[in-house]
Protein backbone atom coordinates (compact mmCIF):
# COMPACT_ATOMS: atom_id res chain seq x y z
CA UNK A 1 143.62 179.69 107.40
CA UNK A 2 142.98 178.52 110.93
CA UNK A 3 140.61 180.44 113.16
CA UNK A 4 139.72 180.51 116.82
CA UNK A 5 136.21 179.73 117.94
CA UNK A 6 134.66 182.28 120.24
CA UNK A 7 133.64 179.51 122.64
CA UNK A 8 132.51 180.30 126.15
CA UNK A 9 134.61 183.24 127.19
CA UNK A 10 133.11 183.90 130.58
CA UNK A 11 130.76 181.94 132.83
CA UNK A 12 128.33 184.16 134.64
CA UNK A 13 127.64 183.39 138.29
CA UNK A 14 123.92 183.81 138.85
CA UNK A 15 123.96 183.04 142.57
CA UNK A 16 122.79 185.87 144.84
CA UNK A 17 125.31 187.75 146.92
CA UNK A 18 123.15 189.72 149.42
CA UNK A 19 125.90 190.33 151.95
CA UNK A 20 128.35 191.66 149.35
CA UNK A 21 125.66 193.92 147.94
CA UNK A 22 124.76 195.16 151.42
CA UNK A 23 128.39 195.97 152.21
CA UNK A 24 128.75 197.75 148.88
CA UNK A 25 125.67 199.87 149.61
CA UNK A 26 126.96 200.79 153.07
CA UNK A 27 130.38 201.63 151.65
CA UNK A 28 128.76 203.85 149.06
CA UNK A 29 127.16 205.88 151.87
CA UNK A 30 130.58 206.52 153.41
CA UNK A 31 134.03 207.66 152.41
CA UNK A 32 134.86 204.05 151.52
CA UNK A 33 133.34 204.57 148.09
CA UNK A 34 135.35 207.72 147.34
CA UNK A 35 138.30 205.56 146.28
CA UNK A 36 136.17 204.24 143.41
CA UNK A 37 136.20 207.72 141.90
CA UNK A 38 139.97 207.80 141.75
CA UNK A 39 140.36 205.06 139.14
CA UNK A 40 138.25 202.35 137.53
CA UNK A 41 140.89 199.79 138.45
CA UNK A 42 140.35 200.43 142.16
CA UNK A 43 136.64 199.84 141.77
CA UNK A 44 137.25 196.67 139.80
CA UNK A 45 139.05 195.08 142.77
CA UNK A 46 135.95 195.47 144.93
CA UNK A 47 133.51 193.79 142.55
CA UNK A 48 132.34 190.19 142.64
CA UNK A 49 133.63 187.68 140.09
CA UNK A 50 130.39 187.98 138.10
CA UNK A 51 130.51 191.77 138.04
CA UNK A 52 134.17 191.69 136.96
CA UNK A 53 133.25 189.29 134.15
CA UNK A 54 130.44 191.62 133.02
CA UNK A 55 132.90 194.50 132.72
CA UNK A 56 135.36 192.41 130.68
CA UNK A 57 132.58 191.19 128.36
CA UNK A 58 131.39 194.76 127.82
CA UNK A 59 134.91 195.76 126.77
CA UNK A 60 135.09 192.78 124.39
CA UNK A 61 131.70 193.55 122.84
CA UNK A 62 132.69 197.20 122.32
CA UNK A 63 135.99 196.13 120.64
CA UNK A 64 138.13 197.66 123.40
CA UNK A 65 140.56 194.77 123.37
CA UNK A 66 143.35 196.46 125.35
CA UNK A 67 140.99 197.28 128.21
CA UNK A 68 139.57 193.75 128.16
CA UNK A 69 143.09 192.29 128.40
CA UNK A 70 144.01 194.70 131.20
CA UNK A 71 141.03 193.77 133.36
CA UNK A 72 141.42 190.07 132.53
CA UNK A 73 144.99 190.34 133.79
CA UNK A 74 143.82 192.08 136.95
CA UNK A 75 141.17 189.43 137.56
CA UNK A 76 143.71 186.61 137.15
CA UNK A 77 146.08 188.50 139.46
CA UNK A 78 143.39 188.76 142.14
CA UNK A 79 142.36 185.10 141.94
CA UNK A 80 145.94 183.79 141.75
CA UNK A 81 146.60 185.09 145.25
CA UNK A 82 144.03 182.70 146.73
CA UNK A 83 145.02 179.28 148.01
CA UNK A 84 141.86 177.64 146.68
CA UNK A 85 139.20 178.85 144.27
CA UNK A 86 135.47 178.31 144.14
CA UNK A 87 134.00 176.87 140.96
CA UNK A 88 132.82 180.31 139.80
CA UNK A 89 136.25 181.82 140.48
CA UNK A 90 138.02 179.03 138.64
CA UNK A 91 135.65 179.38 135.67
CA UNK A 92 136.33 183.11 135.54
CA UNK A 93 140.09 182.62 135.82
CA UNK A 94 140.16 180.01 133.03
CA UNK A 95 137.97 182.23 130.83
CA UNK A 96 140.27 185.24 131.36
CA UNK A 97 143.40 183.19 130.63
CA UNK A 98 141.82 181.63 127.56
CA UNK A 99 140.71 185.02 126.25
CA UNK A 100 144.17 186.53 126.73
CA UNK A 101 145.74 183.55 124.98
CA UNK A 102 143.51 184.12 121.94
CA UNK A 103 144.20 187.86 121.90
CA UNK A 104 147.98 187.42 122.11
CA UNK A 105 147.81 184.93 119.24
CA UNK A 106 145.45 186.84 116.93
CA UNK A 107 146.01 190.50 117.80
CA UNK A 108 149.42 190.91 119.45
CA UNK A 109 151.13 187.98 117.68
CA UNK A 110 153.05 187.26 120.86
CA UNK A 111 153.03 183.45 120.75
CA UNK A 112 155.25 182.97 123.78
CA UNK A 113 152.91 184.94 126.02
CA UNK A 114 149.88 183.31 124.41
CA UNK A 115 151.27 179.84 125.20
CA UNK A 116 151.87 180.92 128.80
CA UNK A 117 148.23 181.93 129.31
CA UNK A 118 146.73 178.94 127.49
CA UNK A 119 148.90 176.40 129.30
CA UNK A 120 147.99 178.01 132.63
CA UNK A 121 144.29 177.77 131.71
CA UNK A 122 144.71 174.10 130.79
CA UNK A 123 146.55 173.37 134.05
CA UNK A 124 143.96 175.17 136.19
CA UNK A 125 141.00 173.51 134.43
CA UNK A 126 142.55 170.08 134.91
CA UNK A 127 143.23 170.75 138.60
CA UNK A 128 139.63 171.75 139.33
CA UNK A 129 138.00 169.23 137.00
CA UNK A 130 136.51 171.76 134.57
CA UNK A 131 136.21 169.55 131.51
CA UNK A 132 134.98 172.09 128.98
CA UNK A 133 137.57 174.72 129.95
CA UNK A 134 140.25 172.03 129.65
CA UNK A 135 138.91 171.06 126.22
CA UNK A 136 138.84 174.68 125.05
CA UNK A 137 142.43 175.25 126.21
CA UNK A 138 143.63 172.12 124.37
CA UNK A 139 141.98 173.31 121.16
CA UNK A 140 143.38 176.84 121.40
CA UNK A 141 146.86 175.46 122.08
CA UNK A 142 146.53 173.35 118.91
CA UNK A 143 145.58 176.48 116.92
CA UNK A 144 148.50 178.35 118.46
CA UNK A 145 150.96 175.59 117.57
CA UNK A 146 149.61 175.44 114.02
CA UNK A 147 149.96 179.22 113.68
CA UNK A 148 153.54 179.19 114.89
CA UNK A 149 154.37 176.21 112.67
CA UNK A 150 153.01 177.99 109.59
CA UNK A 151 155.15 181.05 110.21
CA UNK A 152 158.29 179.10 111.03
CA UNK A 153 157.96 176.67 108.09
CA UNK A 154 156.39 179.07 105.56
CA UNK A 155 153.18 177.03 105.39
CA UNK A 156 154.94 173.84 104.33
CA UNK A 157 153.16 170.58 105.16
CA UNK A 158 153.92 169.16 108.59
CA UNK A 159 152.22 165.90 109.74
CA UNK A 160 152.15 167.26 113.29
CA UNK A 161 149.80 170.03 112.13
CA UNK A 162 146.91 167.74 111.24
CA UNK A 163 147.71 165.34 114.09
CA UNK A 164 147.51 168.16 116.64
CA UNK A 165 144.12 169.29 115.37
CA UNK A 166 142.89 165.69 115.22
CA UNK A 167 143.85 165.24 118.87
CA UNK A 168 142.07 168.44 119.88
CA UNK A 169 138.95 167.37 117.95
CA UNK A 170 138.97 164.02 119.76
CA UNK A 171 139.06 165.90 123.07
CA UNK A 172 136.00 167.90 121.97
CA UNK A 173 134.29 164.72 120.77
CA UNK A 174 134.85 162.96 124.10
CA UNK A 175 133.56 165.98 126.01
CA UNK A 176 130.38 166.64 124.05
CA UNK A 177 129.58 162.92 123.80
CA UNK A 178 129.14 162.82 127.58
CA UNK A 179 128.48 166.45 128.56
CA UNK A 180 125.31 167.37 130.43
CA UNK A 181 125.01 170.65 128.50
CA UNK A 182 126.26 172.03 125.21
CA UNK A 183 127.79 175.35 126.19
CA UNK A 184 130.54 176.28 123.76
CA UNK A 185 129.28 173.93 121.04
CA UNK A 186 130.57 176.37 118.39
CA UNK A 187 134.08 175.26 119.33
CA UNK A 188 133.28 171.70 118.23
CA UNK A 189 132.10 172.87 114.81
CA UNK A 190 135.12 175.16 114.42
CA UNK A 191 137.44 172.29 115.34
CA UNK A 192 136.19 169.99 112.57
CA UNK A 193 136.08 172.95 110.14
CA UNK A 194 139.76 173.75 110.74
CA UNK A 195 140.68 170.08 110.42
CA UNK A 196 138.89 169.71 107.08
CA UNK A 197 140.44 172.90 105.72
CA UNK A 198 143.98 171.71 106.49
CA UNK A 199 143.28 168.28 104.98
CA UNK A 200 142.04 169.93 101.78
CA UNK A 201 144.97 172.34 101.68
CA UNK A 202 147.52 169.53 101.88
CA UNK A 203 145.35 166.95 100.06
CA UNK A 204 145.24 164.66 103.11
CA UNK A 205 141.52 163.93 103.19
CA UNK A 206 142.10 160.23 103.88
CA UNK A 207 143.84 161.13 107.15
CA UNK A 208 140.72 162.72 108.66
CA UNK A 209 137.87 160.49 107.46
CA UNK A 210 137.42 158.90 110.90
CA UNK A 211 137.08 162.30 112.54
CA UNK A 212 134.55 163.46 109.93
CA UNK A 213 132.56 160.26 110.48
CA UNK A 214 132.61 160.77 114.26
CA UNK A 215 131.46 164.37 113.87
CA UNK A 216 128.56 163.40 111.64
CA UNK A 217 127.46 160.74 114.09
CA UNK A 218 127.24 163.16 117.00
CA UNK A 219 123.83 164.36 118.18
CA UNK A 220 124.52 167.91 119.30
CA UNK A 221 122.53 171.15 118.97
CA UNK A 222 123.17 173.42 116.03
CA UNK A 223 125.21 176.60 116.30
CA UNK A 224 125.76 179.58 114.00
CA UNK A 225 128.69 177.79 112.33
CA UNK A 226 126.99 174.40 111.96
CA UNK A 227 126.01 174.89 108.27
CA UNK A 228 129.60 175.97 107.55
CA UNK A 229 131.07 172.79 109.07
CA UNK A 230 128.46 170.53 107.50
CA UNK A 231 129.12 172.08 104.10
CA UNK A 232 132.82 171.26 104.46
CA UNK A 233 131.89 167.68 105.38
CA UNK A 234 129.95 167.41 102.12
CA UNK A 235 132.98 168.77 100.27
CA UNK A 236 134.97 165.92 101.82
CA UNK A 237 132.51 163.44 100.29
CA UNK A 238 132.88 165.01 96.86
CA UNK A 239 136.66 165.16 97.23
CA UNK A 240 136.78 161.41 97.88
CA UNK A 241 134.69 160.72 94.80
CA UNK A 242 136.69 163.26 92.74
CA UNK A 243 133.45 165.16 92.11
CA UNK A 244 135.10 168.54 92.39
CA UNK A 245 132.59 170.46 90.29
CA UNK A 246 129.77 169.22 92.54
CA UNK A 247 131.74 170.27 95.63
CA UNK A 248 131.45 173.92 94.59
CA UNK A 249 127.65 173.74 95.03
CA UNK A 250 128.04 173.09 98.76
CA UNK A 251 130.07 176.29 99.21
CA UNK A 252 127.37 178.65 98.02
CA UNK A 253 126.14 181.33 100.50
CA UNK A 254 122.81 179.51 100.88
CA UNK A 255 124.65 176.38 102.06
CA UNK A 256 127.07 177.89 104.58
CA UNK A 257 124.68 180.54 106.03
CA UNK A 258 127.38 183.03 107.00
CA UNK A 259 124.77 185.79 107.40
CA UNK A 260 123.84 184.37 110.83
CA UNK A 261 127.32 185.07 112.25
CA UNK A 262 128.68 188.33 113.56
CA UNK A 263 130.68 190.46 111.14
CA UNK A 264 134.13 189.32 112.25
CA UNK A 265 133.31 185.60 112.23
CA UNK A 266 131.50 185.94 108.91
CA UNK A 267 134.60 187.45 107.29
CA UNK A 268 136.89 184.75 108.70
CA UNK A 269 134.60 181.89 107.65
CA UNK A 270 134.14 183.47 104.20
CA UNK A 271 137.92 183.48 103.75
CA UNK A 272 138.05 179.78 104.66
CA UNK A 273 135.38 179.04 102.04
CA UNK A 274 137.28 181.01 99.39
CA UNK A 275 140.54 179.21 100.23
CA UNK A 276 138.78 175.86 99.81
CA UNK A 277 137.31 177.03 96.49
CA UNK A 278 140.82 177.73 95.24
CA UNK A 279 141.98 174.17 95.89
CA UNK A 280 138.83 172.79 94.25
CA UNK A 281 139.38 174.98 91.18
CA UNK A 282 142.94 173.68 90.94
CA UNK A 283 141.62 170.10 91.06
CA UNK A 284 139.27 171.02 88.20
CA UNK A 285 142.20 172.50 86.21
CA UNK A 286 140.52 175.91 86.17
CA UNK A 287 143.90 177.60 86.54
CA UNK A 288 142.82 181.09 85.52
CA UNK A 289 139.81 181.08 87.84
CA UNK A 290 141.98 179.79 90.68
CA UNK A 291 144.45 182.64 90.06
CA UNK A 292 141.58 185.15 90.14
CA UNK A 293 140.41 183.59 93.40
CA UNK A 294 143.80 184.14 95.04
CA UNK A 295 144.07 187.72 93.82
CA UNK A 296 140.62 188.43 95.26
CA UNK A 297 141.68 186.91 98.57
CA UNK A 298 144.77 189.11 98.56
CA UNK A 299 142.66 192.25 98.17
CA UNK A 300 140.16 191.15 100.83
CA UNK A 301 142.93 190.34 103.32
CA UNK A 302 144.49 193.76 102.74
CA UNK A 303 141.08 195.41 102.97
CA UNK A 304 140.31 193.94 106.41
CA UNK A 305 143.92 194.21 107.59
CA UNK A 306 144.09 190.42 108.09
CA UNK A 307 147.88 190.09 108.02
CA UNK A 308 148.11 186.41 108.87
CA UNK A 309 145.61 185.53 106.14
CA UNK A 310 147.47 187.82 103.73
CA UNK A 311 150.70 185.93 104.42
CA UNK A 312 149.03 182.65 103.52
CA UNK A 313 147.61 184.12 100.29
CA UNK A 314 151.00 185.52 99.25
CA UNK A 315 152.61 182.16 99.95
CA UNK A 316 149.94 180.44 97.86
CA UNK A 317 150.41 182.94 95.01
CA UNK A 318 154.14 182.23 94.97
CA UNK A 319 153.54 178.47 94.80
CA UNK A 320 150.77 178.94 92.22
CA UNK A 321 152.99 180.82 89.79
CA UNK A 322 155.89 178.41 90.36
CA UNK A 323 153.60 175.55 89.32
CA UNK A 324 152.62 177.50 86.18
CA UNK A 325 156.27 178.22 85.32
CA UNK A 326 155.88 182.00 85.71
CA UNK A 327 159.10 182.60 87.64
CA UNK A 328 158.86 186.39 87.45
CA UNK A 329 155.52 186.54 89.26
CA UNK A 330 156.59 183.79 91.63
CA UNK A 331 159.65 185.86 92.58
CA UNK A 332 157.48 188.98 92.95
CA UNK A 333 155.15 187.32 95.46
CA UNK A 334 158.02 185.61 97.24
CA UNK A 335 159.59 189.02 97.95
CA UNK A 336 156.21 190.47 98.93
CA UNK A 337 155.63 187.51 101.26
CA UNK A 338 158.91 187.97 103.10
CA UNK A 339 158.46 191.73 103.28
CA UNK A 340 155.00 191.31 104.80
CA UNK A 341 156.30 188.61 107.12
CA UNK A 342 159.10 190.88 108.37
CA UNK A 343 156.55 193.60 109.12
CA UNK A 344 154.35 191.02 110.80
CA UNK A 345 157.14 189.75 113.04
CA UNK A 346 158.05 193.36 113.83
CA UNK A 347 154.59 193.86 115.26
CA UNK A 348 155.16 190.77 117.37
CA UNK A 349 158.15 192.54 118.91
CA UNK A 350 156.07 195.67 119.50
CA UNK A 351 153.63 193.54 121.47
CA UNK A 352 156.33 193.17 124.11
CA UNK A 353 156.31 196.95 124.55
CA UNK A 354 152.56 196.83 125.09
CA UNK A 355 153.09 194.03 127.59
CA UNK A 356 155.62 196.11 129.53
CA UNK A 357 153.21 199.05 129.61
CA UNK A 358 150.47 196.74 130.80
CA UNK A 359 152.67 195.35 133.58
CA UNK A 360 153.49 198.90 134.68
CA UNK A 361 149.81 199.78 134.81
CA UNK A 362 149.08 196.65 136.79
CA UNK A 363 151.79 197.50 139.31
CA UNK A 364 150.37 201.00 139.67
CA UNK A 365 146.93 199.57 140.32
CA UNK A 366 148.36 197.19 142.93
CA UNK A 367 150.01 200.09 144.70
CA UNK A 368 146.74 202.02 144.67
CA UNK A 369 144.98 199.06 146.24
CA UNK A 370 147.59 198.73 148.98
CA UNK A 371 147.08 202.37 149.90
CA UNK A 372 143.32 201.96 149.77
CA UNK A 373 143.41 198.92 152.04
CA UNK A 374 145.57 200.81 154.54
CA UNK A 375 143.04 203.63 154.71
CA UNK A 376 140.23 201.14 155.18
CA UNK A 377 141.99 199.54 158.12
CA UNK A 378 142.58 202.83 159.88
CA UNK A 379 139.34 204.78 159.26
CA UNK A 380 135.98 204.07 160.78
CA UNK A 381 136.74 200.38 161.45
CA UNK A 382 134.89 200.09 164.76
CA UNK A 383 131.91 202.29 163.88
CA UNK A 384 131.10 200.72 160.56
CA UNK A 385 131.97 197.26 161.80
CA UNK A 386 129.19 197.57 164.41
CA UNK A 387 126.74 199.01 161.86
CA UNK A 388 127.43 196.28 159.31
CA UNK A 389 127.17 193.49 161.89
CA UNK A 390 123.92 194.91 163.26
CA UNK A 391 122.38 195.24 159.79
CA UNK A 392 123.56 191.76 158.80
CA UNK A 393 122.18 190.20 161.96
CA UNK A 394 118.86 191.99 161.52
CA UNK A 395 118.68 190.94 157.88
CA UNK A 396 119.52 187.34 158.73
CA UNK A 397 117.01 187.15 161.58
CA UNK A 398 114.21 188.70 159.52
CA UNK A 399 115.01 186.45 156.60
CA UNK A 400 115.12 183.34 158.78
CA UNK A 401 111.84 184.25 160.49
CA UNK A 402 110.01 184.96 157.22
CA UNK A 403 111.39 181.80 155.66
CA UNK A 404 110.44 179.76 158.75
CA UNK A 405 106.84 180.99 158.72
CA UNK A 406 106.50 180.45 154.99
CA UNK A 407 107.99 176.95 155.17
CA UNK A 408 105.80 176.05 158.10
CA UNK A 409 102.60 177.12 156.29
CA UNK A 410 103.64 175.29 153.13
CA UNK A 411 104.46 172.09 155.02
CA UNK A 412 101.16 172.22 156.89
CA UNK A 413 99.20 172.53 153.63
CA UNK A 414 101.12 169.64 152.07
CA UNK A 415 100.56 167.47 155.14
CA UNK A 416 96.82 168.17 155.28
CA UNK A 417 96.49 167.53 151.55
CA UNK A 418 98.32 164.19 151.84
CA UNK A 419 96.22 163.08 154.83
CA UNK A 420 93.02 164.02 153.01
CA UNK A 421 94.04 161.96 149.99
CA UNK A 422 94.98 158.99 152.19
CA UNK A 423 91.59 159.14 153.93
CA UNK A 424 89.88 159.34 150.55
CA UNK A 425 91.87 156.35 149.26
CA UNK A 426 93.55 158.25 146.43
CA UNK A 427 97.25 158.29 145.57
CA UNK A 428 99.45 161.28 146.50
CA UNK A 429 100.26 163.76 143.75
CA UNK A 430 103.73 163.39 142.26
CA UNK A 431 105.68 166.62 142.17
CA UNK A 432 107.71 165.73 139.06
CA UNK A 433 107.54 162.32 137.39
CA UNK A 434 110.15 160.83 135.16
CA UNK A 435 109.77 160.86 131.36
CA UNK A 436 107.01 158.62 130.02
CA UNK A 437 107.48 156.21 127.14
CA UNK A 438 106.20 157.13 123.73
CA UNK A 439 103.93 154.05 123.98
CA UNK A 440 101.13 156.18 125.44
CA UNK A 441 100.94 158.44 122.38
CA UNK A 442 97.59 156.91 121.25
CA UNK A 443 96.08 156.52 124.73
CA UNK A 444 95.20 153.33 126.64
CA UNK A 445 93.31 150.51 125.00
CA UNK A 446 90.62 148.43 126.65
CA UNK A 447 93.20 145.69 127.18
CA UNK A 448 95.48 148.22 128.85
CA UNK A 449 92.73 149.26 131.29
CA UNK A 450 91.87 145.68 132.19
CA UNK A 451 95.51 144.85 132.74
CA UNK A 452 95.91 148.00 134.85
CA UNK A 453 93.12 146.81 137.12
CA UNK A 454 95.08 143.61 137.77
CA UNK A 455 98.24 145.61 138.39
CA UNK A 456 96.39 147.92 140.80
CA UNK A 457 95.02 144.92 142.69
CA UNK A 458 98.54 143.54 143.12
CA UNK A 459 99.96 146.90 144.16
CA UNK A 460 97.21 147.49 146.71
CA UNK A 461 97.01 144.00 148.19
CA UNK A 462 100.36 142.26 147.79
CA UNK A 463 102.86 142.78 150.66
CA UNK A 464 105.64 141.81 148.23
CA UNK A 465 105.77 145.34 146.87
CA UNK A 466 107.40 146.46 150.13
CA UNK A 467 110.28 144.04 149.60
CA UNK A 468 113.38 145.90 148.32
CA UNK A 469 113.89 143.16 145.72
CA UNK A 470 110.44 143.65 144.18
CA UNK A 471 110.85 144.39 140.47
CA UNK A 472 108.92 144.83 137.27
CA UNK A 473 109.75 141.23 136.41
CA UNK A 474 108.11 140.04 139.64
CA UNK A 475 105.04 142.17 138.93
CA UNK A 476 104.64 140.56 135.52
CA UNK A 477 104.82 137.13 137.15
CA UNK A 478 102.04 138.09 139.59
CA UNK A 479 99.71 139.36 136.85
CA UNK A 480 100.78 136.66 134.37
CA UNK A 481 101.38 138.97 131.40
CA UNK A 482 104.45 139.76 129.28
CA UNK A 483 106.64 142.56 130.68
CA UNK A 484 106.16 144.67 127.53
CA UNK A 485 102.39 144.86 128.03
CA UNK A 486 102.72 145.58 131.74
CA UNK A 487 105.01 148.52 131.00
CA UNK A 488 102.63 149.78 128.32
CA UNK A 489 99.62 149.55 130.61
CA UNK A 490 101.38 151.55 133.33
CA UNK A 491 102.65 154.15 130.86
CA UNK A 492 99.33 154.67 129.08
CA UNK A 493 96.96 154.42 132.07
CA UNK A 494 99.03 156.14 134.77
CA UNK A 495 101.36 158.29 132.64
CA UNK A 496 104.41 157.11 134.54
CA UNK A 497 106.83 154.20 134.61
CA UNK A 498 106.99 151.21 136.97
CA UNK A 499 109.50 152.79 139.32
CA UNK A 500 107.36 155.88 139.89
CA UNK A 501 104.22 153.76 140.37
CA UNK A 502 105.97 151.51 142.90
CA UNK A 503 107.27 154.53 144.82
CA UNK A 504 103.75 155.99 144.99
CA UNK A 505 102.36 152.90 146.70
CA UNK A 506 105.36 152.56 148.99
CA UNK A 507 105.13 156.20 150.05
CA UNK A 508 101.39 155.86 150.54
CA UNK A 509 101.98 152.96 152.93
CA UNK A 510 104.84 154.86 154.58
CA UNK A 511 102.44 157.73 155.32
CA UNK A 512 100.03 155.31 157.02
CA UNK A 513 102.79 153.87 159.15
CA UNK A 514 104.11 157.30 160.10
CA UNK A 515 100.62 158.13 161.32
CA UNK A 516 100.17 154.78 163.16
CA UNK A 517 101.64 155.64 166.56
CA UNK A 518 100.30 152.48 168.19
CA UNK A 519 102.14 150.06 165.89
CA UNK A 520 105.03 152.11 164.54
CA UNK A 521 105.46 154.76 167.20
CA UNK A 522 108.78 153.27 168.32
CA UNK A 523 110.12 152.90 164.78
CA UNK A 524 112.75 155.30 163.41
CA UNK A 525 112.30 157.04 160.08
CA UNK A 526 114.90 154.74 158.57
CA UNK A 527 113.13 151.64 159.92
CA UNK A 528 109.82 152.70 158.42
CA UNK A 529 111.56 153.40 155.12
CA UNK A 530 113.19 149.95 155.20
CA UNK A 531 109.85 148.35 156.01
CA UNK A 532 108.31 149.63 152.78
CA UNK A 533 111.26 148.75 150.55
CA UNK A 534 113.75 151.65 150.68
CA UNK A 535 117.37 150.65 151.20
CA UNK A 536 118.53 153.83 152.92
CA UNK A 537 117.11 156.77 154.80
CA UNK A 538 118.48 159.24 152.24
CA UNK A 539 116.74 157.45 149.37
CA UNK A 540 113.52 157.21 151.35
CA UNK A 541 113.63 160.89 152.26
CA UNK A 542 114.30 161.97 148.68
CA UNK A 543 111.48 159.92 147.17
CA UNK A 544 109.08 160.86 149.99
CA UNK A 545 109.72 164.56 149.46
CA UNK A 546 109.29 164.22 145.67
CA UNK A 547 105.90 162.54 146.13
CA UNK A 548 104.44 164.30 149.20
CA UNK A 549 106.32 167.59 149.12
CA UNK A 550 107.79 167.42 152.63
CA UNK A 551 110.21 165.08 154.40
CA UNK A 552 108.96 162.05 156.34
CA UNK A 553 110.29 163.56 159.58
CA UNK A 554 108.25 166.73 159.02
CA UNK A 555 105.18 164.65 158.11
CA UNK A 556 105.47 162.58 161.31
CA UNK A 557 106.08 165.64 163.46
CA UNK A 558 102.96 167.38 162.13
CA UNK A 559 100.84 164.32 162.74
CA UNK A 560 102.01 163.99 166.34
CA UNK A 561 101.63 167.71 167.05
CA UNK A 562 98.60 168.91 165.06
CA UNK A 563 97.75 172.61 165.11
């Protein structure tokens, strides 16, 4: 019983949109906003990508799937008309396409339309370099193909089934092994969970051992379905050792922690666990218990109206009774399976009717927007154009002036603080240092302090530190101590690493030279940076700002024109 992971349906754009908000407020004060009262669809067109995503998510959370699909379609329709998309727009478009693909697989059973949306999401994500969205699309396509294969082949074993899921897991593995964040990590756990379930179902555990090993070796944050996936991994271990009785212990509620999931996911994962229990019971020759397990699954699938899961159970019951030689019951469940399947496929055809109705509603909304745009072009264009421009200009000017005064005061305080520290002979404060080694956990020893005094003497008196080739190795040669102890002394005594320490002294000297108009007055910023060991102006500026708080150009300007 394969299941989709919820994943990352929509990416919220947290960037401010003051101009859009301002226009919306002005429109609300005029007849422009009256069109919003005519239909929610008209209002939806006017919202930002983030606001559109919020509406879709609200529909999803309130189980209004049809409305969520409608507005996802509208959002994709809006964005598809653009030549190029911003990152936020592309994220929203991929999320909408991915969501519709899942819905048309799970709810509408329209696999052709589902494939269309998922392939479009994959193509768009690849074009714009959105690695996670590409990974999610690949996984959902694998689930879709497996679902279609099960229906077409009546759940018979197909090597392509496991291979497809193995490939999608590898895509997840490659992504999360190098990703900067772990958004959508539940998809990784669901991927390995589905793979293990299929391997157990078809007794192909040996085919997935590498993937299970890779998954266990990954260092990723936990998610709500982590205990579920880890429990299945432990079942794999027992399956290899033929310790089937012991495997049942790892499928207890306390091991899989389904109570942390939402209701829908909890039911789906519980069904997976019960399916796995059946195959374990069969391995233990507990035939009667296995039969009871399947009959319970049949009732639960009917209770929650889980037709696809019910089909799998009926298919398993048919095979179960065939293996036991009970042809009458096998025939009974075979007929029930095909009857249920016919009803299931009939609903797939009805989905096309829903699709036609949805297309009609979309066309009506497009027509409404064309009329609305025409009215906007012909009513109050000049008057409100002047008002909006005037308000925007005033807002921009006020914002620029306030920001300028604030920045100027902040820069002046940072400059005066840096000059005061230079005059006092202390080092500038570092805004944000890099991570410090765990070697300083117990504090500096007396040997560390003595060694730090030697290091400080070199850093303060040796002109070599301003050479761009100066390194930690060279520092150790100058103080005559092993590199390990030099690093420890710096970490424990100064709570930073060698690179940060070197930059402090270089920036300190750079400040002196920026203030020395007699000697360095004709030097450019880049020349001064080069003279203290920085290879480029951009690198010098970045490090200088991190240490002092302002750019070297601002620092020099304030020194030459004190207030």
